[in-house]
Amino acid sequence: MAQGGNGIDIGTVYRMLIQMSARLDQLLEVVNDHSRILNDHSRILNDHARQLDDLSANVASLRADVGHYHEAVISQGIHYSDLEGRVLRVERHLRLDPAER
């Protein structure tokens, strides 16, 4: 910082403040861009969470429907061998949590 005979050069201080202001404006642009990207990612993540919740509910409903069908078939005297085991294998293959029984 330049100093004259009367102390600090105000012109130099003013130029430094202008430079810092420009740099802060650049940094603010970067932060705003990152905030927009984060908001986009958050929205996408929320959509995926909703889709996974929907899928989980659909799997539980399908599992219940298969169970009702199985009960109806067995009551008619037809035996489906190891249907429960097959459903569990499909769930494991798809990496799904087994539905509540």
PDB file of N, CA and C in Angstrom:
ATOM      1  N   MET A   1       0.852  -1.153   0.000  1.00  0.00           N
ATOM      2  CA  MET A   1       0.000   0.000   0.000  1.00  0.00           C
ATOM      3  C   MET A   1       0.903   1.223   0.000  1.00  0.00           C
ATOM      4  N   ALA A   2       0.594   2.132  -0.899  1.00  0.00           N
ATOM      5  CA  ALA A   2       1.445   3.322  -1.028  1.00  0.00           C
ATOM      6  C   ALA A   2       1.122   4.331   0.060  1.00  0.00           C
ATOM      7  N   GLN A   3       2.130   4.931   0.561  1.00  0.00           N
ATOM      8  CA  GLN A   3       1.952   6.001   1.539  1.00  0.00           C
ATOM      9  C   GLN A   3       2.644   7.257   1.019  1.00  0.00           C
ATOM     10  N   GLY A   4       1.943   8.357   1.114  1.00  0.00           N
ATOM     11  CA  GLY A   4       2.544   9.626   0.710  1.00  0.00           C
ATOM     12  C   GLY A   4       3.038  10.352   1.951  1.00  0.00           C
ATOM     13  N   GLY A   5       3.354  11.591   1.770  1.00  0.00           N
ATOM     14  CA  GLY A   5       3.824  12.382   2.885  1.00  0.00           C
ATOM     15  C   GLY A   5       2.754  12.577   3.948  1.00  0.00           C
ATOM     16  N   ASN A   6       1.476  12.430   3.552  1.00  0.00           N
ATOM     17  CA  ASN A   6       0.378  12.663   4.504  1.00  0.00           C
ATOM     18  C   ASN A   6      -0.281  11.353   4.954  1.00  0.00           C
ATOM     19  N   GLY A   7       0.303  10.186   4.704  1.00  0.00           N
ATOM     20  CA  GLY A   7      -0.284   8.914   5.137  1.00  0.00           C
ATOM     21  C   GLY A   7      -0.637   8.025   3.958  1.00  0.00           C
ATOM     22  N   ILE A   8      -1.629   7.171   4.124  1.00  0.00           N
ATOM     23  CA  ILE A   8      -2.042   6.182   3.128  1.00  0.00           C
ATOM     24  C   ILE A   8      -2.634   6.877   1.922  1.00  0.00           C
ATOM     25  N   ASP A   9      -2.270   6.378   0.729  1.00  0.00           N
ATOM     26  CA  ASP A   9      -2.785   6.912  -0.536  1.00  0.00           C
ATOM     27  C   ASP A   9      -4.220   6.416  -0.726  1.00  0.00           C
ATOM     28  N   ILE A  10      -5.193   7.297  -0.655  1.00  0.00           N
ATOM     29  CA  ILE A  10      -6.611   6.953  -0.772  1.00  0.00           C
ATOM     30  C   ILE A  10      -6.913   6.354  -2.143  1.00  0.00           C
ATOM     31  N   GLY A  11      -6.263   6.810  -3.178  1.00  0.00           N
ATOM     32  CA  GLY A  11      -6.473   6.265  -4.521  1.00  0.00           C
ATOM     33  C   GLY A  11      -6.118   4.784  -4.578  1.00  0.00           C
ATOM     34  N   THR A  12      -5.024   4.399  -3.918  1.00  0.00           N
ATOM     35  CA  THR A  12      -4.612   2.994  -3.879  1.00  0.00           C
ATOM     36  C   THR A  12      -5.634   2.161  -3.113  1.00  0.00           C
ATOM     37  N   VAL A  13      -6.090   2.681  -1.998  1.00  0.00           N
ATOM     38  CA  VAL A  13      -7.102   1.971  -1.203  1.00  0.00           C
ATOM     39  C   VAL A  13      -8.364   1.794  -2.042  1.00  0.00           C
ATOM     40  N   TYR A  14      -8.776   2.818  -2.754  1.00  0.00           N
ATOM     41  CA  TYR A  14      -9.972   2.756  -3.580  1.00  0.00           C
ATOM     42  C   TYR A  14      -9.815   1.694  -4.673  1.00  0.00           C
ATOM     43  N   ARG A  15      -8.663   1.646  -5.347  1.00  0.00           N
ATOM     44  CA  ARG A  15      -8.409   0.633  -6.391  1.00  0.00           C
ATOM     45  C   ARG A  15      -8.457  -0.773  -5.793  1.00  0.00           C
ATOM     46  N   MET A  16      -7.904  -0.945  -4.617  1.00  0.00           N
ATOM     47  CA  MET A  16      -7.919  -2.263  -3.966  1.00  0.00           C
ATOM     48  C   MET A  16      -9.351  -2.682  -3.621  1.00  0.00           C
ATOM     49  N   LEU A  17     -10.144  -1.725  -3.157  1.00  0.00           N
ATOM     50  CA  LEU A  17     -11.541  -2.033  -2.851  1.00  0.00           C
ATOM     51  C   LEU A  17     -12.306  -2.418  -4.111  1.00  0.00           C
ATOM     52  N   ILE A  18     -12.044  -1.749  -5.226  1.00  0.00           N
ATOM     53  CA  ILE A  18     -12.686  -2.083  -6.499  1.00  0.00           C
ATOM     54  C   ILE A  18     -12.286  -3.494  -6.927  1.00  0.00           C
ATOM     55  N   GLN A  19     -11.001  -3.838  -6.799  1.00  0.00           N
ATOM     56  CA  GLN A  19     -10.526  -5.187  -7.153  1.00  0.00           C
ATOM     57  C   GLN A  19     -11.191  -6.245  -6.271  1.00  0.00           C
ATOM     58  N   MET A  20     -11.273  -5.975  -4.979  1.00  0.00           N
ATOM     59  CA  MET A  20     -11.898  -6.937  -4.055  1.00  0.00           C
ATOM     60  C   MET A  20     -13.381  -7.091  -4.366  1.00  0.00           C
ATOM     61  N   SER A  21     -14.037  -6.001  -4.712  1.00  0.00           N
ATOM     62  CA  SER A  21     -15.451  -6.057  -5.063  1.00  0.00           C
ATOM     63  C   SER A  21     -15.659  -6.925  -6.305  1.00  0.00           C
ATOM     64  N   ALA A  22     -14.802  -6.754  -7.312  1.00  0.00           N
ATOM     65  CA  ALA A  22     -14.900  -7.560  -8.538  1.00  0.00           C
ATOM     66  C   ALA A  22     -14.670  -9.034  -8.222  1.00  0.00           C
ATOM     67  N   ARG A  23     -13.694  -9.316  -7.385  1.00  0.00           N
ATOM     68  CA  ARG A  23     -13.402 -10.707  -7.013  1.00  0.00           C
ATOM     69  C   ARG A  23     -14.567 -11.321  -6.235  1.00  0.00           C
ATOM     70  N   LEU A  24     -15.157 -10.557  -5.333  1.00  0.00           N
ATOM     71  CA  LEU A  24     -16.312 -11.043  -4.586  1.00  0.00           C
ATOM     72  C   LEU A  24     -17.503 -11.300  -5.505  1.00  0.00           C
ATOM     73  N   ASP A  25     -17.675 -10.469  -6.527  1.00  0.00           N
ATOM     74  CA  ASP A  25     -18.741 -10.696  -7.506  1.00  0.00           C
ATOM     75  C   ASP A  25     -18.526 -12.021  -8.239  1.00  0.00           C
ATOM     76  N   GLN A  26     -17.269 -12.304  -8.600  1.00  0.00           N
ATOM     77  CA  GLN A  26     -16.949 -13.575  -9.261  1.00  0.00           C
ATOM     78  C   GLN A  26     -17.257 -14.752  -8.332  1.00  0.00           C
ATOM     79  N   LEU A  27     -16.854 -14.639  -7.098  1.00  0.00           N
ATOM     80  CA  LEU A  27     -17.099 -15.718  -6.138  1.00  0.00           C
ATOM     81  C   LEU A  27     -18.590 -15.916  -5.892  1.00  0.00           C
ATOM     82  N   LEU A  28     -19.332 -14.828  -5.861  1.00  0.00           N
ATOM     83  CA  LEU A  28     -20.777 -14.920  -5.679  1.00  0.00           C
ATOM     84  C   LEU A  28     -21.426 -15.654  -6.848  1.00  0.00           C
ATOM     85  N   GLU A  29     -20.941 -15.415  -8.062  1.00  0.00           N
ATOM     86  CA  GLU A  29     -21.452 -16.143  -9.234  1.00  0.00           C
ATOM     87  C   GLU A  29     -21.206 -17.640  -9.080  1.00  0.00           C
ATOM     88  N   VAL A  30     -20.018 -18.009  -8.632  1.00  0.00           N
ATOM     89  CA  VAL A  30     -19.684 -19.421  -8.446  1.00  0.00           C
ATOM     90  C   VAL A  30     -20.598 -20.040  -7.386  1.00  0.00           C
ATOM     91  N   VAL A  31     -20.789 -19.350  -6.283  1.00  0.00           N
ATOM     92  CA  VAL A  31     -21.660 -19.864  -5.214  1.00  0.00           C
ATOM     93  C   VAL A  31     -23.090 -20.003  -5.728  1.00  0.00           C
ATOM     94  N   ASN A  32     -23.571 -19.027  -6.486  1.00  0.00           N
ATOM     95  CA  ASN A  32     -24.930 -19.118  -7.039  1.00  0.00           C
ATOM     96  C   ASN A  32     -25.061 -20.294  -8.001  1.00  0.00           C
ATOM     97  N   ASP A  33     -24.043 -20.522  -8.839  1.00  0.00           N
ATOM     98  CA  ASP A  33     -24.062 -21.678  -9.748  1.00  0.00           C
ATOM     99  C   ASP A  33     -24.110 -22.981  -8.954  1.00  0.00           C
ATOM    100  N   HIS A  34     -23.298 -23.072  -7.923  1.00  0.00           N
ATOM    101  CA  HIS A  34     -23.292 -24.290  -7.100  1.00  0.00           C
ATOM    102  C   HIS A  34     -24.630 -24.474  -6.386  1.00  0.00           C
ATOM    103  N   SER A  35     -25.226 -23.398  -5.957  1.00  0.00           N
ATOM    104  CA  SER A  35     -26.537 -23.489  -5.301  1.00  0.00           C
ATOM    105  C   SER A  35     -27.594 -23.997  -6.275  1.00  0.00           C
ATOM    106  N   ARG A  36     -27.559 -23.509  -7.518  1.00  0.00           N
ATOM    107  CA  ARG A  36     -28.508 -23.997  -8.527  1.00  0.00           C
ATOM    108  C   ARG A  36     -28.308 -25.490  -8.786  1.00  0.00           C
ATOM    109  N   ILE A  37     -27.065 -25.896  -8.904  1.00  0.00           N
ATOM    110  CA  ILE A  37     -26.769 -27.315  -9.145  1.00  0.00           C
ATOM    111  C   ILE A  37     -27.239 -28.161  -7.966  1.00  0.00           C
ATOM    112  N   LEU A  38     -26.976 -27.704  -6.756  1.00  0.00           N
ATOM    113  CA  LEU A  38     -27.415 -28.439  -5.565  1.00  0.00           C
ATOM    114  C   LEU A  38     -28.937 -28.540  -5.520  1.00  0.00           C
ATOM    115  N   ASN A  39     -29.631 -27.467  -5.858  1.00  0.00           N
ATOM    116  CA  ASN A  39     -31.096 -27.512  -5.890  1.00  0.00           C
ATOM    117  C   ASN A  39     -31.596 -28.509  -6.926  1.00  0.00           C
ATOM    118  N   ASP A  40     -30.950 -28.546  -8.088  1.00  0.00           N
ATOM    119  CA  ASP A  40     -31.329 -29.525  -9.116  1.00  0.00           C
ATOM    120  C   ASP A  40     -31.121 -30.947  -8.610  1.00  0.00           C
ATOM    121  N   HIS A  41     -29.986 -31.187  -7.987  1.00  0.00           N
ATOM    122  CA  HIS A  41     -29.694 -32.526  -7.456  1.00  0.00           C
ATOM    123  C   HIS A  41     -30.683 -32.906  -6.358  1.00  0.00           C
ATOM    124  N   SER A  42     -31.022 -31.960  -5.519  1.00  0.00           N
ATOM    125  CA  SER A  42     -31.992 -32.239  -4.447  1.00  0.00           C
ATOM    126  C   SER A  42     -33.349 -32.606  -5.031  1.00  0.00           C
ATOM    127  N   ARG A  43     -33.770 -31.878  -6.064  1.00  0.00           N
ATOM    128  CA  ARG A  43     -35.050 -32.177  -6.700  1.00  0.00           C
ATOM    129  C   ARG A  43     -35.031 -33.575  -7.321  1.00  0.00           C
ATOM    130  N   ILE A  44     -33.943 -33.905  -7.986  1.00  0.00           N
ATOM    131  CA  ILE A  44     -33.821 -35.227  -8.613  1.00  0.00           C
ATOM    132  C   ILE A  44     -33.816 -36.319  -7.548  1.00  0.00           C
ATOM    133  N   LEU A  45     -33.092 -36.098  -6.470  1.00  0.00           N
ATOM    134  CA  LEU A  45     -33.035 -37.080  -5.382  1.00  0.00           C
ATOM    135  C   LEU A  45     -34.413 -37.282  -4.766  1.00  0.00           C
ATOM    136  N   ASN A  46     -35.158 -36.205  -4.574  1.00  0.00           N
ATOM    137  CA  ASN A  46     -36.511 -36.328  -4.027  1.00  0.00           C
ATOM    138  C   ASN A  46     -37.417 -37.101  -4.979  1.00  0.00           C
ATOM    139  N   ASP A  47     -37.272 -36.860  -6.287  1.00  0.00           N
ATOM    140  CA  ASP A  47     -38.058 -37.612  -7.272  1.00  0.00           C
ATOM    141  C   ASP A  47     -37.718 -39.098  -7.201  1.00  0.00           C
ATOM    142  N   HIS A  48     -36.441 -39.416  -7.075  1.00  0.00           N
ATOM    143  CA  HIS A  48     -36.037 -40.821  -6.985  1.00  0.00           C
ATOM    144  C   HIS A  48     -36.563 -41.460  -5.711  1.00  0.00           C
ATOM    145  N   ALA A  49     -36.521 -40.737  -4.610  1.00  0.00           N
ATOM    146  CA  ALA A  49     -37.039 -41.273  -3.347  1.00  0.00           C
ATOM    147  C   ALA A  49     -38.533 -41.567  -3.479  1.00  0.00           C
ATOM    148  N   ARG A  50     -39.262 -40.643  -4.126  1.00  0.00           N
ATOM    149  CA  ARG A  50     -40.693 -40.864  -4.333  1.00  0.00           C
ATOM    150  C   ARG A  50     -40.933 -42.087  -5.211  1.00  0.00           C
ATOM    151  N   GLN A  51     -40.129 -42.227  -6.271  1.00  0.00           N
ATOM    152  CA  GLN A  51     -40.282 -43.378  -7.164  1.00  0.00           C
ATOM    153  C   GLN A  51     -39.977 -44.681  -6.428  1.00  0.00           C
ATOM    154  N   LEU A  52     -38.959 -44.665  -5.574  1.00  0.00           N
ATOM    155  CA  LEU A  52     -38.644 -45.871  -4.803  1.00  0.00           C
ATOM    156  C   LEU A  52     -39.762 -46.203  -3.822  1.00  0.00           C
ATOM    157  N   ASP A  53     -40.355 -45.183  -3.205  1.00  0.00           N
ATOM    158  CA  ASP A  53     -41.493 -45.420  -2.316  1.00  0.00           C
ATOM    159  C   ASP A  53     -42.662 -46.021  -3.081  1.00  0.00           C
ATOM    160  N   ASP A  54     -42.930 -45.476  -4.284  1.00  0.00           N
ATOM    161  CA  ASP A  54     -44.002 -46.022  -5.115  1.00  0.00           C
ATOM    162  C   ASP A  54     -43.716 -47.464  -5.502  1.00  0.00           C
ATOM    163  N   LEU A  55     -42.477 -47.732  -5.877  1.00  0.00           N
ATOM    164  CA  LEU A  55     -42.095 -49.092  -6.257  1.00  0.00           C
ATOM    165  C   LEU A  55     -42.250 -50.048  -5.089  1.00  0.00           C
ATOM    166  N   SER A  56     -41.831 -49.615  -3.920  1.00  0.00           N
ATOM    167  CA  SER A  56     -41.954 -50.456  -2.732  1.00  0.00           C
ATOM    168  C   SER A  56     -43.416 -50.775  -2.437  1.00  0.00           C
ATOM    169  N   ALA A  57     -44.280 -49.770  -2.553  1.00  0.00           N
ATOM    170  CA  ALA A  57     -45.712 -49.992  -2.329  1.00  0.00           C
ATOM    171  C   ALA A  57     -46.274 -50.941  -3.378  1.00  0.00           C
ATOM    172  N   ASN A  58     -45.844 -50.787  -4.631  1.00  0.00           N
ATOM    173  CA  ASN A  58     -46.322 -51.672  -5.694  1.00  0.00           C
ATOM    174  C   ASN A  58     -45.854 -53.105  -5.490  1.00  0.00           C
ATOM    175  N   VAL A  59     -44.616 -53.270  -5.027  1.00  0.00           N
ATOM    176  CA  VAL A  59     -44.101 -54.619  -4.765  1.00  0.00           C
ATOM    177  C   VAL A  59     -44.896 -55.267  -3.637  1.00  0.00           C
ATOM    178  N   ALA A  60     -45.178 -54.493  -2.586  1.00  0.00           N
ATOM    179  CA  ALA A  60     -45.963 -55.032  -1.469  1.00  0.00           C
ATOM    180  C   ALA A  60     -47.357 -55.430  -1.941  1.00  0.00           C
ATOM    181  N   SER A  61     -47.961 -54.591  -2.795  1.00  0.00           N
ATOM    182  CA  SER A  61     -49.289 -54.902  -3.326  1.00  0.00           C
ATOM    183  C   SER A  61     -49.245 -56.150  -4.213  1.00  0.00           C
ATOM    184  N   LEU A  62     -48.230 -56.238  -5.062  1.00  0.00           N
ATOM    185  CA  LEU A  62     -48.081 -57.407  -5.925  1.00  0.00           C
ATOM    186  C   LEU A  62     -47.882 -58.666  -5.100  1.00  0.00           C
ATOM    187  N   ARG A  63     -47.068 -58.555  -4.054  1.00  0.00           N
ATOM    188  CA  ARG A  63     -46.813 -59.701  -3.182  1.00  0.00           C
ATOM    189  C   ARG A  63     -48.114 -60.162  -2.523  1.00  0.00           C
ATOM    190  N   ALA A  64     -48.931 -59.223  -2.065  1.00  0.00           N
ATOM    191  CA  ALA A  64     -50.213 -59.578  -1.455  1.00  0.00           C
ATOM    192  C   ALA A  64     -51.130 -60.235  -2.483  1.00  0.00           C
ATOM    193  N   ASP A  65     -51.159 -59.682  -3.697  1.00  0.00           N
ATOM    194  CA  ASP A  65     -52.002 -60.266  -4.757  1.00  0.00           C
ATOM    195  C   ASP A  65     -51.557 -61.686  -5.092  1.00  0.00           C
ATOM    196  N   VAL A  66     -50.244 -61.908  -5.180  1.00  0.00           N
ATOM    197  CA  VAL A  66     -49.736 -63.261  -5.455  1.00  0.00           C
ATOM    198  C   VAL A  66     -50.118 -64.202  -4.316  1.00  0.00           C
ATOM    199  N   GLY A  67     -50.022 -63.703  -3.088  1.00  0.00           N
ATOM    200  CA  GLY A  67     -50.420 -64.528  -1.937  1.00  0.00           C
ATOM    201  C   GLY A  67     -51.891 -64.903  -1.981  1.00  0.00           C
ATOM    202  N   HIS A  68     -52.757 -63.939  -2.321  1.00  0.00           N
ATOM    203  CA  HIS A  68     -54.198 -64.234  -2.432  1.00  0.00           C
ATOM    204  C   HIS A  68     -54.460 -65.228  -3.559  1.00  0.00           C
ATOM    205  N   TYR A  69     -53.771 -65.045  -4.676  1.00  0.00           N
ATOM    206  CA  TYR A  69     -53.932 -65.965  -5.802  1.00  0.00           C
ATOM    207  C   TYR A  69     -53.490 -67.371  -5.392  1.00  0.00           C
ATOM    208  N   HIS A  70     -52.358 -67.431  -4.702  1.00  0.00           N
ATOM    209  CA  HIS A  70     -51.834 -68.719  -4.257  1.00  0.00           C
ATOM    210  C   HIS A  70     -52.844 -69.400  -3.332  1.00  0.00           C
ATOM    211  N   GLU A  71     -53.408 -68.651  -2.398  1.00  0.00           N
ATOM    212  CA  GLU A  71     -54.410 -69.231  -1.493  1.00  0.00           C
ATOM    213  C   GLU A  71     -55.613 -69.732  -2.269  1.00  0.00           C
ATOM    214  N   ALA A  72     -56.045 -68.969  -3.285  1.00  0.00           N
ATOM    215  CA  ALA A  72     -57.196 -69.386  -4.086  1.00  0.00           C
ATOM    216  C   ALA A  72     -56.881 -70.649  -4.873  1.00  0.00           C
ATOM    217  N   VAL A  73     -55.676 -70.742  -5.416  1.00  0.00           N
ATOM    218  CA  VAL A  73     -55.294 -71.912  -6.200  1.00  0.00           C
ATOM    219  C   VAL A  73     -55.201 -73.146  -5.300  1.00  0.00           C
ATOM    220  N   ILE A  74     -54.607 -72.979  -4.128  1.00  0.00           N
ATOM    221  CA  ILE A  74     -54.477 -74.117  -3.210  1.00  0.00           C
ATOM    222  C   ILE A  74     -55.849 -74.591  -2.761  1.00  0.00           C
ATOM    223  N   SER A  75     -56.770 -73.653  -2.538  1.00  0.00           N
ATOM    224  CA  SER A  75     -58.111 -74.062  -2.104  1.00  0.00           C
ATOM    225  C   SER A  75     -58.835 -74.834  -3.198  1.00  0.00           C
ATOM    226  N   GLN A  76     -58.404 -74.721  -4.442  1.00  0.00           N
ATOM    227  CA  GLN A  76     -58.988 -75.466  -5.552  1.00  0.00           C
ATOM    228  C   GLN A  76     -58.311 -76.816  -5.735  1.00  0.00           C
ATOM    229  N   GLY A  77     -57.320 -77.100  -4.904  1.00  0.00           N
ATOM    230  CA  GLY A  77     -56.646 -78.388  -4.962  1.00  0.00           C
ATOM    231  C   GLY A  77     -55.419 -78.400  -5.856  1.00  0.00           C
ATOM    232  N   ILE A  78     -55.022 -77.282  -6.402  1.00  0.00           N
ATOM    233  CA  ILE A  78     -53.836 -77.220  -7.248  1.00  0.00           C
ATOM    234  C   ILE A  78     -52.696 -76.717  -6.372  1.00  0.00           C
ATOM    235  N   HIS A  79     -51.555 -77.372  -6.439  1.00  0.00           N
ATOM    236  CA  HIS A  79     -50.428 -76.989  -5.583  1.00  0.00           C
ATOM    237  C   HIS A  79     -49.315 -76.382  -6.435  1.00  0.00           C
ATOM    238  N   TYR A  80     -48.939 -75.174  -6.105  1.00  0.00           N
ATOM    239  CA  TYR A  80     -47.792 -74.536  -6.751  1.00  0.00           C
ATOM    240  C   TYR A  80     -46.598 -74.790  -5.852  1.00  0.00           C
ATOM    241  N   SER A  81     -45.666 -75.566  -6.342  1.00  0.00           N
ATOM    242  CA  SER A  81     -44.536 -75.934  -5.494  1.00  0.00           C
ATOM    243  C   SER A  81     -43.625 -74.752  -5.245  1.00  0.00           C
ATOM    244  N   ASP A  82     -43.384 -74.502  -4.007  1.00  0.00           N
ATOM    245  CA  ASP A  82     -42.395 -73.520  -3.540  1.00  0.00           C
ATOM    246  C   ASP A  82     -42.597 -72.118  -4.119  1.00  0.00           C
ATOM    247  N   LEU A  83     -43.859 -71.675  -4.185  1.00  0.00           N
ATOM    248  CA  LEU A  83     -44.128 -70.325  -4.684  1.00  0.00           C
ATOM    249  C   LEU A  83     -43.467 -69.276  -3.794  1.00  0.00           C
ATOM    250  N   GLU A  84     -43.528 -69.484  -2.489  1.00  0.00           N
ATOM    251  CA  GLU A  84     -42.929 -68.531  -1.554  1.00  0.00           C
ATOM    252  C   GLU A  84     -41.426 -68.400  -1.804  1.00  0.00           C
ATOM    253  N   GLY A  85     -40.762 -69.517  -2.011  1.00  0.00           N
ATOM    254  CA  GLY A  85     -39.324 -69.494  -2.289  1.00  0.00           C
ATOM    255  C   GLY A  85     -39.013 -68.768  -3.586  1.00  0.00           C
ATOM    256  N   ARG A  86     -39.840 -68.952  -4.581  1.00  0.00           N
ATOM    257  CA  ARG A  86     -39.634 -68.269  -5.858  1.00  0.00           C
ATOM    258  C   ARG A  86     -39.779 -66.757  -5.699  1.00  0.00           C
ATOM    259  N   VAL A  87     -40.805 -66.338  -4.971  1.00  0.00           N
ATOM    260  CA  VAL A  87     -41.010 -64.902  -4.742  1.00  0.00           C
ATOM    261  C   VAL A  87     -39.817 -64.321  -3.989  1.00  0.00           C
ATOM    262  N   LEU A  88     -39.323 -65.034  -2.991  1.00  0.00           N
ATOM    263  CA  LEU A  88     -38.166 -64.557  -2.228  1.00  0.00           C
ATOM    264  C   LEU A  88     -36.921 -64.455  -3.114  1.00  0.00           C
ATOM    265  N   ARG A  89     -36.724 -65.418  -4.019  1.00  0.00           N
ATOM    266  CA  ARG A  89     -35.579 -65.348  -4.927  1.00  0.00           C
ATOM    267  C   ARG A  89     -35.668 -64.145  -5.857  1.00  0.00           C
ATOM    268  N   VAL A  90     -36.875 -63.876  -6.354  1.00  0.00           N
ATOM    269  CA  VAL A  90     -37.070 -62.706  -7.214  1.00  0.00           C
ATOM    270  C   VAL A  90     -36.766 -61.431  -6.426  1.00  0.00           C
ATOM    271  N   GLU A  91     -37.248 -61.366  -5.189  1.00  0.00           N
ATOM    272  CA  GLU A  91     -36.988 -60.186  -4.350  1.00  0.00           C
ATOM    273  C   GLU A  91     -35.493 -60.013  -4.100  1.00  0.00           C
ATOM    274  N   ARG A  92     -34.803 -61.122  -3.822  1.00  0.00           N
ATOM    275  CA  ARG A  92     -33.354 -61.041  -3.602  1.00  0.00           C
ATOM    276  C   ARG A  92     -32.641 -60.595  -4.873  1.00  0.00           C
ATOM    277  N   HIS A  93     -33.052 -61.141  -6.004  1.00  0.00           N
ATOM    278  CA  HIS A  93     -32.436 -60.782  -7.281  1.00  0.00           C
ATOM    279  C   HIS A  93     -32.606 -59.291  -7.585  1.00  0.00           C
ATOM    280  N   LEU A  94     -33.771 -58.757  -7.261  1.00  0.00           N
ATOM    281  CA  LEU A  94     -34.045 -57.343  -7.498  1.00  0.00           C
ATOM    282  C   LEU A  94     -33.575 -56.458  -6.343  1.00  0.00           C
ATOM    283  N   ARG A  95     -32.972 -57.103  -5.341  1.00  0.00           N
ATOM    284  CA  ARG A  95     -32.466 -56.403  -4.142  1.00  0.00           C
ATOM    285  C   ARG A  95     -33.577 -55.609  -3.447  1.00  0.00           C
ATOM    286  N   LEU A  96     -34.718 -56.237  -3.284  1.00  0.00           N
ATOM    287  CA  LEU A  96     -35.850 -55.607  -2.605  1.00  0.00           C
ATOM    288  C   LEU A  96     -35.957 -56.154  -1.183  1.00  0.00           C
ATOM    289  N   ASP A  97     -36.467 -55.342  -0.290  1.00  0.00           N
ATOM    290  CA  ASP A  97     -36.709 -55.814   1.069  1.00  0.00           C
ATOM    291  C   ASP A  97     -37.926 -56.717   1.031  1.00  0.00           C
ATOM    292  N   PRO A  98     -37.852 -57.845   1.713  1.00  0.00           N
ATOM    293  CA  PRO A  98     -39.050 -58.701   1.762  1.00  0.00           C
ATOM    294  C   PRO A  98     -40.212 -57.936   2.375  1.00  0.00           C
ATOM    295  N   ALA A  99     -41.377 -58.103   1.805  1.00  0.00           N
ATOM    296  CA  ALA A  99     -42.552 -57.393   2.310  1.00  0.00           C
ATOM    297  C   ALA A  99     -42.961 -57.931   3.668  1.00  0.00           C
ATOM    298  N   GLU A 100     -43.692 -57.106   4.394  1.00  0.00           N
ATOM    299  CA  GLU A 100     -44.210 -57.537   5.695  1.00  0.00           C
ATOM    300  C   GLU A 100     -45.154 -58.708   5.469  1.00  0.00           C
ATOM    301  N   ARG A 101     -45.099 -59.634   6.358  1.00  0.00           N
ATOM    302  CA  ARG A 101     -45.987 -60.806   6.218  1.00  0.00           C
ATOM    303  C   ARG A 101     -47.168 -60.657   7.121  1.00  0.00           C
TER     304      ARG A 101
END
